[in-house]
Amino acid sequence: MTAGLNRRNFLHLGAAAGTAALFQRWGLAQAAQAAAPTDRMGQMRAAGTSTPIKTTKLYDNIWLLQGAGGNMAVQTGKDGIILIDSSFSTAVPHIKEAIAAVSNDAPHALINTHWHIDHVDGNEGMHAAGYKVIAHDKTKTRMSVPAEMKLFHMNIPAYPVGALPSTTFADTMKHNHNGDTVEFVHYDPAHTDTDIYIHFQNSDVLHLGDIFFNKSYPFIDEGSGGSIGGTINAAQKSLGLAGDKTKIIPGHGPLGDKADMKAYIDMLSTVRDKVATLKKSGASEQEVIAKKPTADLDAAWAKGGSPDMFIGIVYRTV
C-alpha cells in the first residue's frame, strides 16, 4: 500500500452522495481497520443479505435497482425480463422480490457490465431463476480463473459454471427486445478490460457500469487493465451517446444525466493532467500525493472517498 493512502476514507466513497459506495457495499470498511486477516467475501455477502433494494422507475418498463452492490437495471415486457448486473449472491432473494414487485414477465437475460464481484456474484442465483448470462468475452475469461485485487489484499476464487456467461461477444451486440433496441458495446480497456455499456435506445436509458462513478472519485482496477486515460476515453465515448434527457445509470452513485457526465470527465481530466505534470517533473508517487493536487476538487468529489488513493491510481496508470 502506498504511504499516506487513507484507505478507511476511500472505503466510504460516495456515502454522502446518497448511495453506499463500492467498497462500503463490499463490507470492507471494517476489514481495512482490522489487524488480522478478514473474510472479506463474507463481509460483502453479509451486506447483500442485510441491504434492501431500492427501486426507481426510469421509463414505462425500465427500473433502476440499488442495493448492496453495483447499480442494477431491469427492463420488463412480453419478450422477457432483462436484468443488468447481479450484485452479491446473498442479494439474489432481494433482487427477485424487487423484480416481482414490478413485473410478472418471464426471465430472459442477465447482462454483466464487467467482471467485478459486486456486479456478478449473484449470477449463479439469477441463472438458476431462469436468466441466461451475457457479457464480454473477457468477463467470462476473468470469472473463470482465480483473481487477485492487490490494492485491497483480496483474492477471488473462480466462479462456478452456473455463474459464467453462456453468451459472450467481442465488440458489440444488438437486441430488439420489448419494443426497444438494446445495444451492448465493449469499451477499450478503461475501468477494467471487460467493461461494456448497455443502451436502451428508444427509452433513452444508458447503463455505464463502473465507467461512471457519479459524484465521487472512482476506483480504477489497474490489475485488470484499467487506467485513468482509458477511463476518460470511455467516459467521453459515453457522453457522445447522451442527449439532454438521457437517464444515465452509473455503476455507483445516484442516477445521472449528461451534465453529471460532463462534470465527471472534467474532474478526471483535471486530476490526470495535474498528476501527469508532477510525475513528468520527477516527483515520486508519495511526493505527488503529499502535494495534494486534488485539494480544490475534494469538497465536491471526495465525499467519504480518499483523494490519496485516487491520486495513487492516477499516478501509476497515467
C-alpha atoms as a PDB file:
ATOM      1  CA  MET A   1       0.000   0.000   0.000  1.00  0.00           C
ATOM      2  CA  THR A   2       1.386   3.416  -0.893  1.00  0.00           C
ATOM      3  CA  ALA A   3       2.433   5.501   2.108  1.00  0.00           C
ATOM      4  CA  GLY A   4      -0.069   8.180   3.008  1.00  0.00           C
ATOM      5  CA  LEU A   5      -3.130   6.475   1.493  1.00  0.00           C
ATOM      6  CA  ASN A   6      -6.224   6.854   3.654  1.00  0.00           C
ATOM      7  CA  ARG A   7      -7.946   3.613   2.802  1.00  0.00           C
ATOM      8  CA  ARG A   8     -10.604   3.902   5.506  1.00  0.00           C
ATOM      9  CA  ASN A   9     -11.898   7.078   3.931  1.00  0.00           C
ATOM     10  CA  PHE A  10     -11.846   5.637   0.433  1.00  0.00           C
ATOM     11  CA  LEU A  11     -13.897   2.693   1.566  1.00  0.00           C
ATOM     12  CA  HIS A  12     -16.696   5.090   2.407  1.00  0.00           C
ATOM     13  CA  LEU A  13     -16.548   6.615  -1.065  1.00  0.00           C
ATOM     14  CA  GLY A  14     -19.717   8.320  -2.121  1.00  0.00           C
ATOM     15  CA  ALA A  15     -21.800   7.812   1.024  1.00  0.00           C
ATOM     16  CA  ALA A  16     -22.677  11.493   1.129  1.00  0.00           C
ATOM     17  CA  ALA A  17     -23.998  11.246  -2.412  1.00  0.00           C
ATOM     18  CA  GLY A  18     -26.878   9.161  -1.081  1.00  0.00           C
ATOM     19  CA  THR A  19     -25.825   5.613  -2.011  1.00  0.00           C
ATOM     20  CA  ALA A  20     -23.392   3.171  -0.460  1.00  0.00           C
ATOM     21  CA  ALA A  21     -20.136   3.195  -2.385  1.00  0.00           C
ATOM     22  CA  LEU A  22     -18.257   0.351  -3.990  1.00  0.00           C
ATOM     23  CA  PHE A  23     -16.123  -0.809  -1.094  1.00  0.00           C
ATOM     24  CA  GLN A  24     -18.554   0.241   1.586  1.00  0.00           C
ATOM     25  CA  ARG A  25     -21.046  -2.034  -0.216  1.00  0.00           C
ATOM     26  CA  TRP A  26     -18.423  -4.744  -0.279  1.00  0.00           C
ATOM     27  CA  GLY A  27     -18.218  -4.516   3.523  1.00  0.00           C
ATOM     28  CA  LEU A  28     -14.505  -3.718   3.553  1.00  0.00           C
ATOM     29  CA  ALA A  29     -14.523  -0.757   5.932  1.00  0.00           C
ATOM     30  CA  GLN A  30     -14.053  -2.958   8.985  1.00  0.00           C
ATOM     31  CA  ALA A  31     -11.574  -5.161   7.158  1.00  0.00           C
ATOM     32  CA  ALA A  32      -9.408  -2.156   6.368  1.00  0.00           C
ATOM     33  CA  GLN A  33      -9.102  -1.413  10.068  1.00  0.00           C
ATOM     34  CA  ALA A  34      -8.538  -4.964  11.266  1.00  0.00           C
ATOM     35  CA  ALA A  35      -5.072  -6.202  12.135  1.00  0.00           C
ATOM     36  CA  ALA A  36      -5.906  -9.860  11.491  1.00  0.00           C
ATOM     37  CA  PRO A  37      -6.934 -11.343   8.117  1.00  0.00           C
ATOM     38  CA  THR A  38     -10.635 -10.849   7.492  1.00  0.00           C
ATOM     39  CA  ASP A  39     -13.176 -12.814   5.478  1.00  0.00           C
ATOM     40  CA  ARG A  40     -13.919 -10.015   3.033  1.00  0.00           C
ATOM     41  CA  MET A  41     -16.076 -12.205   0.839  1.00  0.00           C
ATOM     42  CA  GLY A  42     -18.169 -12.987   3.878  1.00  0.00           C
ATOM     43  CA  GLN A  43     -18.472  -9.298   4.735  1.00  0.00           C
ATOM     44  CA  MET A  44     -19.573  -8.443   1.228  1.00  0.00           C
ATOM     45  CA  ARG A  45     -22.182 -11.162   1.202  1.00  0.00           C
ATOM     46  CA  ALA A  46     -23.399 -10.109   4.636  1.00  0.00           C
ATOM     47  CA  ALA A  47     -24.058  -6.671   3.177  1.00  0.00           C
ATOM     48  CA  GLY A  48     -26.037  -8.325   0.390  1.00  0.00           C
ATOM     49  CA  THR A  49     -28.179 -10.115   2.949  1.00  0.00           C
ATOM     50  CA  SER A  50     -28.962  -7.045   5.036  1.00  0.00           C
ATOM     51  CA  THR A  51     -29.348  -4.309   2.417  1.00  0.00           C
ATOM     52  CA  PRO A  52     -32.793  -3.808   0.838  1.00  0.00           C
ATOM     53  CA  ILE A  53     -33.211  -2.992  -2.844  1.00  0.00           C
ATOM     54  CA  LYS A  54     -34.430   0.495  -3.740  1.00  0.00           C
ATOM     55  CA  THR A  55     -36.456   0.604  -6.981  1.00  0.00           C
ATOM     56  CA  THR A  56     -36.805   3.747  -9.119  1.00  0.00           C
ATOM     57  CA  LYS A  57     -38.902   3.861 -12.298  1.00  0.00           C
ATOM     58  CA  LEU A  58     -36.999   5.419 -15.221  1.00  0.00           C
ATOM     59  CA  TYR A  59     -39.316   4.626 -18.127  1.00  0.00           C
ATOM     60  CA  ASP A  60     -42.583   2.752 -18.748  1.00  0.00           C
ATOM     61  CA  ASN A  61     -40.805  -0.598 -18.450  1.00  0.00           C
ATOM     62  CA  ILE A  62     -37.321   0.221 -17.091  1.00  0.00           C
ATOM     63  CA  TRP A  63     -36.335   0.455 -13.428  1.00  0.00           C
ATOM     64  CA  LEU A  64     -33.136   1.281 -11.565  1.00  0.00           C
ATOM     65  CA  LEU A  65     -32.348  -1.131  -8.703  1.00  0.00           C
ATOM     66  CA  GLN A  66     -29.914  -0.061  -5.982  1.00  0.00           C
ATOM     67  CA  GLY A  67     -28.746  -2.261  -3.152  1.00  0.00           C
ATOM     68  CA  ALA A  68     -25.525  -3.587  -1.629  1.00  0.00           C
ATOM     69  CA  GLY A  69     -23.583  -3.974  -4.883  1.00  0.00           C
ATOM     70  CA  GLY A  70     -23.329  -2.028  -8.105  1.00  0.00           C
ATOM     71  CA  ASN A  71     -26.362  -0.310  -9.560  1.00  0.00           C
ATOM     72  CA  MET A  72     -28.649  -2.644 -11.488  1.00  0.00           C
ATOM     73  CA  ALA A  73     -31.414  -2.067 -14.034  1.00  0.00           C
ATOM     74  CA  VAL A  74     -34.439  -4.052 -15.207  1.00  0.00           C
ATOM     75  CA  GLN A  75     -36.376  -3.910 -18.475  1.00  0.00           C
ATOM     76  CA  THR A  76     -39.720  -5.735 -18.438  1.00  0.00           C
ATOM     77  CA  GLY A  77     -42.123  -6.846 -21.163  1.00  0.00           C
ATOM     78  CA  LYS A  78     -43.643  -9.738 -23.086  1.00  0.00           C
ATOM     79  CA  ASP A  79     -40.276 -10.709 -24.590  1.00  0.00           C
ATOM     80  CA  GLY A  80     -38.950 -11.397 -21.101  1.00  0.00           C
ATOM     81  CA  ILE A  81     -37.055  -9.507 -18.423  1.00  0.00           C
ATOM     82  CA  ILE A  82     -33.567  -8.131 -18.961  1.00  0.00           C
ATOM     83  CA  LEU A  83     -31.532  -7.582 -15.778  1.00  0.00           C
ATOM     84  CA  ILE A  84     -28.262  -5.641 -15.784  1.00  0.00           C
ATOM     85  CA  ASP A  85     -25.776  -6.868 -13.158  1.00  0.00           C
ATOM     86  CA  SER A  86     -26.497  -9.112 -10.184  1.00  0.00           C
ATOM     87  CA  SER A  87     -24.919  -7.668  -7.016  1.00  0.00           C
ATOM     88  CA  PHE A  88     -23.864 -10.254  -4.408  1.00  0.00           C
ATOM     89  CA  SER A  89     -25.085 -13.837  -4.221  1.00  0.00           C
ATOM     90  CA  THR A  90     -26.866 -13.119  -0.939  1.00  0.00           C
ATOM     91  CA  ALA A  91     -28.772 -10.219  -2.545  1.00  0.00           C
ATOM     92  CA  VAL A  92     -30.481 -12.556  -5.033  1.00  0.00           C
ATOM     93  CA  PRO A  93     -33.653 -13.007  -2.929  1.00  0.00           C
ATOM     94  CA  HIS A  94     -33.955  -9.215  -2.606  1.00  0.00           C
ATOM     95  CA  ILE A  95     -33.403  -8.785  -6.360  1.00  0.00           C
ATOM     96  CA  LYS A  96     -36.064 -11.362  -7.221  1.00  0.00           C
ATOM     97  CA  GLU A  97     -38.510  -9.705  -4.830  1.00  0.00           C
ATOM     98  CA  ALA A  98     -37.825  -6.268  -6.345  1.00  0.00           C
ATOM     99  CA  ILE A  99     -38.389  -7.593  -9.859  1.00  0.00           C
ATOM    100  CA  ALA A 100     -41.557  -9.438  -8.859  1.00  0.00           C
ATOM    101  CA  ALA A 101     -42.910  -6.191  -7.411  1.00  0.00           C
ATOM    102  CA  VAL A 102     -42.806  -4.503 -10.844  1.00  0.00           C
ATOM    103  CA  SER A 103     -43.412  -7.390 -13.269  1.00  0.00           C
ATOM    104  CA  ASN A 104     -44.590 -10.976 -13.604  1.00  0.00           C
ATOM    105  CA  ASP A 105     -42.914 -11.367 -17.005  1.00  0.00           C
ATOM    106  CA  ALA A 106     -40.645 -14.343 -17.604  1.00  0.00           C
ATOM    107  CA  PRO A 107     -36.864 -14.080 -17.057  1.00  0.00           C
ATOM    108  CA  HIS A 108     -34.817 -13.620 -20.203  1.00  0.00           C
ATOM    109  CA  ALA A 109     -31.240 -12.349 -19.851  1.00  0.00           C
ATOM    110  CA  LEU A 110     -28.765 -11.046 -17.287  1.00  0.00           C
ATOM    111  CA  ILE A 111     -26.153  -8.674 -18.719  1.00  0.00           C
ATOM    112  CA  ASN A 112     -22.895  -8.095 -16.813  1.00  0.00           C
ATOM    113  CA  THR A 113     -21.266  -4.682 -17.281  1.00  0.00           C
ATOM    114  CA  HIS A 114     -17.861  -6.067 -16.186  1.00  0.00           C
ATOM    115  CA  TRP A 115     -16.293  -8.794 -14.056  1.00  0.00           C
ATOM    116  CA  HIS A 116     -16.138  -7.242 -10.570  1.00  0.00           C
ATOM    117  CA  ILE A 117     -17.715  -9.205  -7.751  1.00  0.00           C
ATOM    118  CA  ASP A 118     -20.307  -6.598  -6.757  1.00  0.00           C
ATOM    119  CA  HIS A 119     -21.721  -6.843 -10.304  1.00  0.00           C
ATOM    120  CA  VAL A 120     -21.523 -10.618 -10.958  1.00  0.00           C
ATOM    121  CA  ASP A 121     -21.641 -12.511  -7.673  1.00  0.00           C
ATOM    122  CA  GLY A 122     -25.402 -13.021  -7.980  1.00  0.00           C
ATOM    123  CA  ASN A 123     -25.093 -14.557 -11.448  1.00  0.00           C
ATOM    124  CA  GLU A 124     -25.460 -18.158 -10.339  1.00  0.00           C
ATOM    125  CA  GLY A 125     -28.634 -17.462  -8.396  1.00  0.00           C
ATOM    126  CA  MET A 126     -30.211 -15.430 -11.181  1.00  0.00           C
ATOM    127  CA  HIS A 127     -29.220 -18.051 -13.752  1.00  0.00           C
ATOM    128  CA  ALA A 128     -30.972 -20.659 -11.603  1.00  0.00           C
ATOM    129  CA  ALA A 129     -34.021 -18.378 -11.661  1.00  0.00           C
ATOM    130  CA  GLY A 130     -34.110 -18.569 -15.466  1.00  0.00           C
ATOM    131  CA  TYR A 131     -31.811 -15.832 -16.754  1.00  0.00           C
ATOM    132  CA  LYS A 132     -29.164 -16.578 -19.385  1.00  0.00           C
ATOM    133  CA  VAL A 133     -25.969 -14.621 -18.691  1.00  0.00           C
ATOM    134  CA  ILE A 134     -24.450 -12.386 -21.368  1.00  0.00           C
ATOM    135  CA  ALA A 135     -21.164 -10.468 -21.063  1.00  0.00           C
ATOM    136  CA  HIS A 136     -17.993  -9.528 -22.862  1.00  0.00           C
ATOM    137  CA  ASP A 137     -15.560 -12.308 -23.752  1.00  0.00           C
ATOM    138  CA  LYS A 138     -13.021 -11.094 -21.182  1.00  0.00           C
ATOM    139  CA  THR A 139     -15.602 -11.037 -18.399  1.00  0.00           C
ATOM    140  CA  LYS A 140     -16.063 -14.773 -18.820  1.00  0.00           C
ATOM    141  CA  THR A 141     -12.303 -15.256 -19.019  1.00  0.00           C
ATOM    142  CA  ARG A 142     -11.661 -13.350 -15.789  1.00  0.00           C
ATOM    143  CA  MET A 143     -14.523 -15.013 -13.933  1.00  0.00           C
ATOM    144  CA  SER A 144     -13.275 -18.461 -14.960  1.00  0.00           C
ATOM    145  CA  VAL A 145      -9.999 -18.243 -13.018  1.00  0.00           C
ATOM    146  CA  PRO A 146      -8.981 -17.075  -9.537  1.00  0.00           C
ATOM    147  CA  ALA A 147      -8.316 -13.337  -9.359  1.00  0.00           C
ATOM    148  CA  GLU A 148      -6.438 -11.026  -7.025  1.00  0.00           C
ATOM    149  CA  MET A 149      -7.176  -7.376  -6.268  1.00  0.00           C
ATOM    150  CA  LYS A 150      -3.820  -6.405  -4.793  1.00  0.00           C
ATOM    151  CA  LEU A 151      -4.820  -2.925  -3.719  1.00  0.00           C
ATOM    152  CA  PHE A 152      -7.306  -4.459  -1.280  1.00  0.00           C
ATOM    153  CA  HIS A 153      -5.384  -7.660  -0.487  1.00  0.00           C
ATOM    154  CA  MET A 154      -8.337  -9.579  -1.816  1.00  0.00           C
ATOM    155  CA  ASN A 155      -8.431 -12.980  -3.525  1.00  0.00           C
ATOM    156  CA  ILE A 156     -11.496 -14.000  -5.514  1.00  0.00           C
ATOM    157  CA  PRO A 157     -11.928 -17.666  -6.445  1.00  0.00           C
ATOM    158  CA  ALA A 158     -13.028 -18.786  -9.874  1.00  0.00           C
ATOM    159  CA  TYR A 159     -16.796 -18.758 -10.304  1.00  0.00           C
ATOM    160  CA  PRO A 160     -18.797 -21.956 -10.816  1.00  0.00           C
ATOM    161  CA  VAL A 161     -20.071 -22.799 -14.283  1.00  0.00           C
ATOM    162  CA  GLY A 162     -23.589 -21.664 -13.417  1.00  0.00           C
ATOM    163  CA  ALA A 163     -22.347 -18.129 -12.777  1.00  0.00           C
ATOM    164  CA  LEU A 164     -20.385 -17.784 -16.023  1.00  0.00           C
ATOM    165  CA  PRO A 165     -21.762 -16.016 -19.097  1.00  0.00           C
ATOM    166  CA  SER A 166     -23.160 -18.531 -21.564  1.00  0.00           C
ATOM    167  CA  THR A 167     -23.202 -15.954 -24.378  1.00  0.00           C
ATOM    168  CA  THR A 168     -20.272 -13.609 -24.944  1.00  0.00           C
ATOM    169  CA  PHE A 169     -19.225 -11.102 -27.585  1.00  0.00           C
ATOM    170  CA  ALA A 170     -16.047  -9.316 -28.626  1.00  0.00           C
ATOM    171  CA  ASP A 171     -17.232  -5.875 -29.720  1.00  0.00           C
ATOM    172  CA  THR A 172     -20.982  -5.260 -29.953  1.00  0.00           C
ATOM    173  CA  MET A 173     -24.359  -6.962 -29.725  1.00  0.00           C
ATOM    174  CA  LYS A 174     -27.748  -5.523 -30.627  1.00  0.00           C
ATOM    175  CA  HIS A 175     -31.044  -6.951 -29.422  1.00  0.00           C
ATOM    176  CA  ASN A 176     -34.581  -5.856 -30.328  1.00  0.00           C
ATOM    177  CA  HIS A 177     -36.458  -6.549 -27.138  1.00  0.00           C
ATOM    178  CA  ASN A 178     -39.695  -5.404 -25.532  1.00  0.00           C
ATOM    179  CA  GLY A 179     -40.220  -2.710 -28.150  1.00  0.00           C
ATOM    180  CA  ASP A 180     -36.740  -1.240 -27.748  1.00  0.00           C
ATOM    181  CA  THR A 181     -33.364  -1.571 -29.410  1.00  0.00           C
ATOM    182  CA  VAL A 182     -30.850  -2.650 -26.776  1.00  0.00           C
ATOM    183  CA  GLU A 183     -27.184  -2.309 -27.693  1.00  0.00           C
ATOM    184  CA  PHE A 184     -24.210  -3.757 -25.775  1.00  0.00           C
ATOM    185  CA  VAL A 185     -20.827  -2.237 -26.660  1.00  0.00           C
ATOM    186  CA  HIS A 186     -17.353  -3.006 -25.339  1.00  0.00           C
ATOM    187  CA  TYR A 187     -15.017  -0.176 -24.433  1.00  0.00           C
ATOM    188  CA  ASP A 188     -11.287  -0.265 -24.947  1.00  0.00           C
ATOM    189  CA  PRO A 189      -9.617  -1.009 -21.565  1.00  0.00           C
ATOM    190  CA  ALA A 190     -10.980   1.608 -19.189  1.00  0.00           C
ATOM    191  CA  HIS A 191     -12.056   0.876 -15.590  1.00  0.00           C
ATOM    192  CA  THR A 192     -11.095  -2.732 -16.475  1.00  0.00           C
ATOM    193  CA  ASP A 193     -10.549  -4.505 -19.796  1.00  0.00           C
ATOM    194  CA  THR A 194     -14.036  -6.072 -19.542  1.00  0.00           C
ATOM    195  CA  ASP A 195     -16.311  -3.003 -19.450  1.00  0.00           C
ATOM    196  CA  ILE A 196     -19.391  -2.601 -21.641  1.00  0.00           C
ATOM    197  CA  TYR A 197     -22.262  -0.154 -21.792  1.00  0.00           C
ATOM    198  CA  ILE A 198     -25.915  -1.050 -22.318  1.00  0.00           C
ATOM    199  CA  HIS A 199     -28.009   1.466 -24.251  1.00  0.00           C
ATOM    200  CA  PHE A 200     -31.796   1.260 -24.372  1.00  0.00           C
ATOM    201  CA  GLN A 201     -32.014   3.448 -27.433  1.00  0.00           C
ATOM    202  CA  ASN A 202     -35.739   4.122 -27.712  1.00  0.00           C
ATOM    203  CA  SER A 203     -36.146   4.643 -23.976  1.00  0.00           C
ATOM    204  CA  ASP A 204     -33.020   6.838 -23.831  1.00  0.00           C
ATOM    205  CA  VAL A 205     -31.577   4.993 -20.819  1.00  0.00           C
ATOM    206  CA  LEU A 206     -27.836   4.294 -20.674  1.00  0.00           C
ATOM    207  CA  HIS A 207     -26.154   1.968 -18.152  1.00  0.00           C
ATOM    208  CA  LEU A 208     -22.413   2.626 -17.987  1.00  0.00           C
ATOM    209  CA  GLY A 209     -21.310   0.281 -15.227  1.00  0.00           C
ATOM    210  CA  ASP A 210     -18.164   1.452 -13.466  1.00  0.00           C
ATOM    211  CA  ILE A 211     -17.094   3.734 -16.291  1.00  0.00           C
ATOM    212  CA  PHE A 212     -19.092   6.284 -14.283  1.00  0.00           C
ATOM    213  CA  PHE A 213     -18.973   6.872 -10.523  1.00  0.00           C
ATOM    214  CA  ASN A 214     -21.467   9.700 -10.118  1.00  0.00           C
ATOM    215  CA  LYS A 215     -20.330  12.468  -7.763  1.00  0.00           C
ATOM    216  CA  SER A 216     -17.294  10.675  -6.340  1.00  0.00           C
ATOM    217  CA  TYR A 217     -13.725   9.773  -7.205  1.00  0.00           C
ATOM    218  CA  PRO A 218     -13.703   6.357  -8.908  1.00  0.00           C
ATOM    219  CA  PHE A 219     -11.873   3.135  -8.302  1.00  0.00           C
ATOM    220  CA  ILE A 220      -9.925   2.104 -11.418  1.00  0.00           C
ATOM    221  CA  ASP A 221      -8.701  -1.505 -11.443  1.00  0.00           C
ATOM    222  CA  GLU A 222      -5.190  -1.305 -12.798  1.00  0.00           C
ATOM    223  CA  GLY A 223      -4.778  -5.024 -12.097  1.00  0.00           C
ATOM    224  CA  SER A 224      -7.255  -5.889 -14.839  1.00  0.00           C
ATOM    225  CA  GLY A 225      -6.213  -3.384 -17.460  1.00  0.00           C
ATOM    226  CA  GLY A 226      -7.767  -0.204 -16.077  1.00  0.00           C
ATOM    227  CA  SER A 227      -6.170   3.224 -16.401  1.00  0.00           C
ATOM    228  CA  ILE A 228      -7.060   6.869 -15.974  1.00  0.00           C
ATOM    229  CA  GLY A 229      -6.624   7.536 -19.699  1.00  0.00           C
ATOM    230  CA  GLY A 230      -8.804   4.599 -20.678  1.00  0.00           C
ATOM    231  CA  THR A 231     -11.487   5.633 -18.211  1.00  0.00           C
ATOM    232  CA  ILE A 232     -11.543   9.173 -19.598  1.00  0.00           C
ATOM    233  CA  ASN A 233     -11.757   7.899 -23.171  1.00  0.00           C
ATOM    234  CA  ALA A 234     -14.640   5.584 -22.284  1.00  0.00           C
ATOM    235  CA  ALA A 235     -16.456   8.340 -20.423  1.00  0.00           C
ATOM    236  CA  GLN A 236     -16.079  10.672 -23.393  1.00  0.00           C
ATOM    237  CA  LYS A 237     -17.415   7.971 -25.710  1.00  0.00           C
ATOM    238  CA  SER A 238     -20.391   7.573 -23.389  1.00  0.00           C
ATOM    239  CA  LEU A 239     -21.014  11.308 -23.294  1.00  0.00           C
ATOM    240  CA  GLY A 240     -21.381  11.246 -27.070  1.00  0.00           C
ATOM    241  CA  LEU A 241     -24.340   8.876 -26.718  1.00  0.00           C
ATOM    242  CA  ALA A 242     -26.221  11.083 -24.293  1.00  0.00           C
ATOM    243  CA  GLY A 243     -28.800  13.739 -25.016  1.00  0.00           C
ATOM    244  CA  ASP A 244     -30.132  16.333 -22.629  1.00  0.00           C
ATOM    245  CA  LYS A 245     -32.877  13.957 -21.436  1.00  0.00           C
ATOM    246  CA  THR A 246     -30.849  10.737 -21.295  1.00  0.00           C
ATOM    247  CA  LYS A 247     -31.035   8.899 -17.977  1.00  0.00           C
ATOM    248  CA  ILE A 248     -27.521   7.682 -17.203  1.00  0.00           C
ATOM    249  CA  ILE A 249     -27.062   4.865 -14.692  1.00  0.00           C
ATOM    250  CA  PRO A 250     -23.614   4.874 -13.064  1.00  0.00           C
ATOM    251  CA  GLY A 251     -22.000   1.801 -11.608  1.00  0.00           C
ATOM    252  CA  HIS A 252     -22.114   3.585  -8.260  1.00  0.00           C
ATOM    253  CA  GLY A 253     -23.834   6.719  -7.075  1.00  0.00           C
ATOM    254  CA  PRO A 254     -27.164   8.356  -7.858  1.00  0.00           C
ATOM    255  CA  LEU A 255     -28.853   8.379 -11.258  1.00  0.00           C
ATOM    256  CA  GLY A 256     -27.087  10.860 -13.522  1.00  0.00           C
ATOM    257  CA  ASP A 257     -27.531  12.892 -16.676  1.00  0.00           C
ATOM    258  CA  LYS A 258     -25.390  14.454 -19.386  1.00  0.00           C
ATOM    259  CA  ALA A 259     -24.349  17.356 -17.168  1.00  0.00           C
ATOM    260  CA  ASP A 260     -23.199  14.942 -14.444  1.00  0.00           C
ATOM    261  CA  MET A 261     -21.205  13.005 -17.011  1.00  0.00           C
ATOM    262  CA  LYS A 262     -19.530  16.165 -18.309  1.00  0.00           C
ATOM    263  CA  ALA A 263     -18.601  17.221 -14.777  1.00  0.00           C
ATOM    264  CA  TYR A 264     -17.145  13.767 -14.126  1.00  0.00           C
ATOM    265  CA  ILE A 265     -14.996  13.888 -17.265  1.00  0.00           C
ATOM    266  CA  ASP A 266     -13.771  17.371 -16.404  1.00  0.00           C
ATOM    267  CA  MET A 267     -12.740  16.172 -12.938  1.00  0.00           C
ATOM    268  CA  LEU A 268     -10.946  13.086 -14.274  1.00  0.00           C
ATOM    269  CA  SER A 269      -9.116  15.131 -16.897  1.00  0.00           C
ATOM    270  CA  THR A 270      -8.062  17.794 -14.414  1.00  0.00           C
ATOM    271  CA  VAL A 271      -6.633  15.257 -11.985  1.00  0.00           C
ATOM    272  CA  ARG A 272      -4.932  13.327 -14.801  1.00  0.00           C
ATOM    273  CA  ASP A 273      -3.250  16.482 -16.115  1.00  0.00           C
ATOM    274  CA  LYS A 274      -2.093  17.698 -12.701  1.00  0.00           C
ATOM    275  CA  VAL A 275      -0.662  14.324 -11.714  1.00  0.00           C
ATOM    276  CA  ALA A 276       0.980  13.806 -15.124  1.00  0.00           C
ATOM    277  CA  THR A 277       2.721  17.178 -14.886  1.00  0.00           C
ATOM    278  CA  LEU A 278       4.074  16.396 -11.426  1.00  0.00           C
ATOM    279  CA  LYS A 279       5.165  12.909 -12.454  1.00  0.00           C
ATOM    280  CA  LYS A 280       6.927  14.274 -15.530  1.00  0.00           C
ATOM    281  CA  SER A 281       8.811  16.722 -13.308  1.00  0.00           C
ATOM    282  CA  GLY A 282      10.297  13.745 -11.457  1.00  0.00           C
ATOM    283  CA  ALA A 283       8.072  13.639  -8.384  1.00  0.00           C
ATOM    284  CA  SER A 284       7.543  10.224  -6.833  1.00  0.00           C
ATOM    285  CA  GLU A 285       4.086   8.851  -6.134  1.00  0.00           C
ATOM    286  CA  GLN A 286       4.402   9.744  -2.439  1.00  0.00           C
ATOM    287  CA  GLU A 287       5.589  13.246  -3.298  1.00  0.00           C
ATOM    288  CA  VAL A 288       2.664  13.796  -5.653  1.00  0.00           C
ATOM    289  CA  ILE A 289       0.201  12.634  -3.008  1.00  0.00           C
ATOM    290  CA  ALA A 290       1.793  14.996  -0.487  1.00  0.00           C
ATOM    291  CA  LYS A 291       1.299  17.930  -2.875  1.00  0.00           C
ATOM    292  CA  LYS A 292      -2.492  17.346  -2.750  1.00  0.00           C
ATOM    293  CA  PRO A 293      -3.254  18.049  -6.415  1.00  0.00           C
ATOM    294  CA  THR A 294      -6.963  17.396  -5.845  1.00  0.00           C
ATOM    295  CA  ALA A 295      -7.338  19.865  -2.965  1.00  0.00           C
ATOM    296  CA  ASP A 296      -9.604  22.229  -4.905  1.00  0.00           C
ATOM    297  CA  LEU A 297     -11.811  19.303  -6.033  1.00  0.00           C
ATOM    298  CA  ASP A 298     -12.161  17.363  -2.800  1.00  0.00           C
ATOM    299  CA  ALA A 299     -15.140  19.266  -1.437  1.00  0.00           C
ATOM    300  CA  ALA A 300     -17.201  18.124  -4.423  1.00  0.00           C
ATOM    301  CA  TRP A 301     -15.698  14.711  -5.153  1.00  0.00           C
ATOM    302  CA  ALA A 302     -14.122  13.230  -2.001  1.00  0.00           C
ATOM    303  CA  LYS A 303     -17.421  12.560  -0.291  1.00  0.00           C
ATOM    304  CA  GLY A 304     -16.098   9.941   2.078  1.00  0.00           C
ATOM    305  CA  GLY A 305     -13.518   8.872  -0.500  1.00  0.00           C
ATOM    306  CA  SER A 306      -9.763   9.152  -0.269  1.00  0.00           C
ATOM    307  CA  PRO A 307      -8.153  11.560  -2.729  1.00  0.00           C
ATOM    308  CA  ASP A 308      -4.812   9.944  -1.839  1.00  0.00           C
ATOM    309  CA  MET A 309      -5.838   6.531  -3.131  1.00  0.00           C
ATOM    310  CA  PHE A 310      -7.273   8.006  -6.312  1.00  0.00           C
ATOM    311  CA  ILE A 311      -4.118  10.073  -6.895  1.00  0.00           C
ATOM    312  CA  GLY A 312      -2.023   6.919  -6.465  1.00  0.00           C
ATOM    313  CA  ILE A 313      -4.044   5.057  -9.084  1.00  0.00           C
ATOM    314  CA  VAL A 314      -3.786   8.005 -11.492  1.00  0.00           C
ATOM    315  CA  TYR A 315      -0.012   8.254 -10.921  1.00  0.00           C
ATOM    316  CA  ARG A 316       0.544   4.574 -11.636  1.00  0.00           C
ATOM    317  CA  THR A 317      -1.623   4.473 -14.763  1.00  0.00           C
ATOM    318  CA  VAL A 318      -1.091   7.892 -16.347  1.00  0.00           C
END
